[in-house]
């Protein structure tokens, strides 16, 4: 884990954020004393594609459109 001072962190924040987004951890110090640690944020949990497709199909079965086709609804919206 790399250590950088507050001044360097402030002046090179964008570069440090790029490095952190790639998985690196960086400690920020003030007068040689650690005050903060930059680490990648926890991303959303990845849902398998097959599970997503199945949930969309289930949603479609439970929420049928009433009256008309999608094309008719699109044309109605254009009026």
C-alpha atoms as a PDB file:
ATOM      1  CA  UNK A   1       0.000   0.000   0.000  1.00  0.00           C
ATOM      2  CA  UNK A   2       1.435   3.356  -1.017  1.00  0.00           C
ATOM      3  CA  UNK A   3       1.541   6.359   1.294  1.00  0.00           C
ATOM      4  CA  UNK A   4       1.183   9.967   0.083  1.00  0.00           C
ATOM      5  CA  UNK A   5       1.052  13.281   1.902  1.00  0.00           C
ATOM      6  CA  UNK A   6      -2.019  15.489   2.044  1.00  0.00           C
ATOM      7  CA  UNK A   7      -0.568  18.057  -0.378  1.00  0.00           C
ATOM      8  CA  UNK A   8       0.238  15.398  -2.996  1.00  0.00           C
ATOM      9  CA  UNK A   9      -3.187  13.805  -2.504  1.00  0.00           C
ATOM     10  CA  UNK A  10      -4.856  17.168  -3.023  1.00  0.00           C
ATOM     11  CA  UNK A  11      -2.886  18.089  -6.126  1.00  0.00           C
ATOM     12  CA  UNK A  12      -3.069  14.628  -7.728  1.00  0.00           C
ATOM     13  CA  UNK A  13      -6.533  13.512  -6.588  1.00  0.00           C
ATOM     14  CA  UNK A  14      -7.785  12.494 -10.038  1.00  0.00           C
ATOM     15  CA  UNK A  15      -4.720  10.321 -10.656  1.00  0.00           C
ATOM     16  CA  UNK A  16      -5.028   8.719  -7.214  1.00  0.00           C
ATOM     17  CA  UNK A  17      -8.724   8.001  -7.787  1.00  0.00           C
ATOM     18  CA  UNK A  18      -7.878   6.284 -11.076  1.00  0.00           C
ATOM     19  CA  UNK A  19      -5.369   4.072  -9.284  1.00  0.00           C
ATOM     20  CA  UNK A  20      -7.830   3.274  -6.497  1.00  0.00           C
ATOM     21  CA  UNK A  21     -10.537   2.385  -9.033  1.00  0.00           C
ATOM     22  CA  UNK A  22      -8.116  -0.220 -10.409  1.00  0.00           C
ATOM     23  CA  UNK A  23      -7.927  -1.847  -6.970  1.00  0.00           C
ATOM     24  CA  UNK A  24      -4.990  -0.111  -5.312  1.00  0.00           C
ATOM     25  CA  UNK A  25      -5.152   1.118  -1.685  1.00  0.00           C
ATOM     26  CA  UNK A  26      -3.478   4.426  -0.784  1.00  0.00           C
ATOM     27  CA  UNK A  27      -2.859   5.872   2.669  1.00  0.00           C
ATOM     28  CA  UNK A  28      -2.907   9.666   3.077  1.00  0.00           C
ATOM     29  CA  UNK A  29      -0.704  11.142   5.777  1.00  0.00           C
ATOM     30  CA  UNK A  30      -0.425  14.507   7.494  1.00  0.00           C
ATOM     31  CA  UNK A  31       3.068  15.202   8.819  1.00  0.00           C
ATOM     32  CA  UNK A  32       3.862  11.492   8.459  1.00  0.00           C
ATOM     33  CA  UNK A  33       0.835  10.337  10.479  1.00  0.00           C
ATOM     34  CA  UNK A  34      -1.816   8.295   8.601  1.00  0.00           C
ATOM     35  CA  UNK A  35      -5.162  10.128   8.551  1.00  0.00           C
ATOM     36  CA  UNK A  36      -7.103   8.355   5.791  1.00  0.00           C
ATOM     37  CA  UNK A  37      -7.064   5.372   3.486  1.00  0.00           C
ATOM     38  CA  UNK A  38      -8.397   5.406  -0.050  1.00  0.00           C
ATOM     39  CA  UNK A  39      -9.708   2.023  -1.173  1.00  0.00           C
ATOM     40  CA  UNK A  40     -12.049   0.837  -3.929  1.00  0.00           C
ATOM     41  CA  UNK A  41     -15.742   1.192  -3.128  1.00  0.00           C
ATOM     42  CA  UNK A  42     -17.837  -1.933  -2.807  1.00  0.00           C
ATOM     43  CA  UNK A  43     -19.696  -2.331  -6.081  1.00  0.00           C
ATOM     44  CA  UNK A  44     -23.185  -3.698  -6.425  1.00  0.00           C
ATOM     45  CA  UNK A  45     -23.478  -7.466  -6.232  1.00  0.00           C
ATOM     46  CA  UNK A  46     -23.466  -8.993  -9.694  1.00  0.00           C
ATOM     47  CA  UNK A  47     -26.553 -10.981 -10.547  1.00  0.00           C
ATOM     48  CA  UNK A  48     -26.131 -13.856 -13.016  1.00  0.00           C
ATOM     49  CA  UNK A  49     -27.549 -13.084 -16.464  1.00  0.00           C
ATOM     50  CA  UNK A  50     -29.792 -16.151 -16.465  1.00  0.00           C
ATOM     51  CA  UNK A  51     -31.360 -15.037 -13.174  1.00  0.00           C
ATOM     52  CA  UNK A  52     -32.003 -11.555 -14.564  1.00  0.00           C
ATOM     53  CA  UNK A  53     -33.642 -12.953 -17.708  1.00  0.00           C
ATOM     54  CA  UNK A  54     -35.869 -15.243 -15.651  1.00  0.00           C
ATOM     55  CA  UNK A  55     -36.970 -12.360 -13.398  1.00  0.00           C
ATOM     56  CA  UNK A  56     -37.847 -10.266 -16.469  1.00  0.00           C
ATOM     57  CA  UNK A  57     -39.919 -13.122 -17.903  1.00  0.00           C
ATOM     58  CA  UNK A  58     -41.706 -13.530 -14.574  1.00  0.00           C
ATOM     59  CA  UNK A  59     -42.390  -9.786 -14.438  1.00  0.00           C
ATOM     60  CA  UNK A  60     -43.838  -9.926 -17.957  1.00  0.00           C
ATOM     61  CA  UNK A  61     -46.169 -12.775 -17.037  1.00  0.00           C
ATOM     62  CA  UNK A  62     -47.417 -10.947 -13.933  1.00  0.00           C
ATOM     63  CA  UNK A  63     -47.853  -7.537 -15.573  1.00  0.00           C
ATOM     64  CA  UNK A  64     -49.750  -7.943 -18.806  1.00  0.00           C
ATOM     65  CA  UNK A  65     -50.640  -4.837 -20.753  1.00  0.00           C
ATOM     66  CA  UNK A  66     -54.296  -4.052 -21.026  1.00  0.00           C
ATOM     67  CA  UNK A  67     -55.647  -3.386 -24.494  1.00  0.00           C
ATOM     68  CA  UNK A  68     -53.775  -2.801 -27.704  1.00  0.00           C
ATOM     69  CA  UNK A  69     -50.354  -3.737 -28.881  1.00  0.00           C
ATOM     70  CA  UNK A  70     -47.150  -1.952 -28.038  1.00  0.00           C
ATOM     71  CA  UNK A  71     -47.183  -0.407 -31.538  1.00  0.00           C
ATOM     72  CA  UNK A  72     -50.675   1.019 -30.902  1.00  0.00           C
ATOM     73  CA  UNK A  73     -49.538   2.499 -27.571  1.00  0.00           C
ATOM     74  CA  UNK A  74     -46.524   4.088 -29.254  1.00  0.00           C
ATOM     75  CA  UNK A  75     -48.704   5.635 -31.936  1.00  0.00           C
ATOM     76  CA  UNK A  76     -51.167   6.858 -29.278  1.00  0.00           C
ATOM     77  CA  UNK A  77     -48.319   8.543 -27.444  1.00  0.00           C
ATOM     78  CA  UNK A  78     -47.305  10.424 -30.592  1.00  0.00           C
ATOM     79  CA  UNK A  79     -50.712  12.083 -30.973  1.00  0.00           C
END
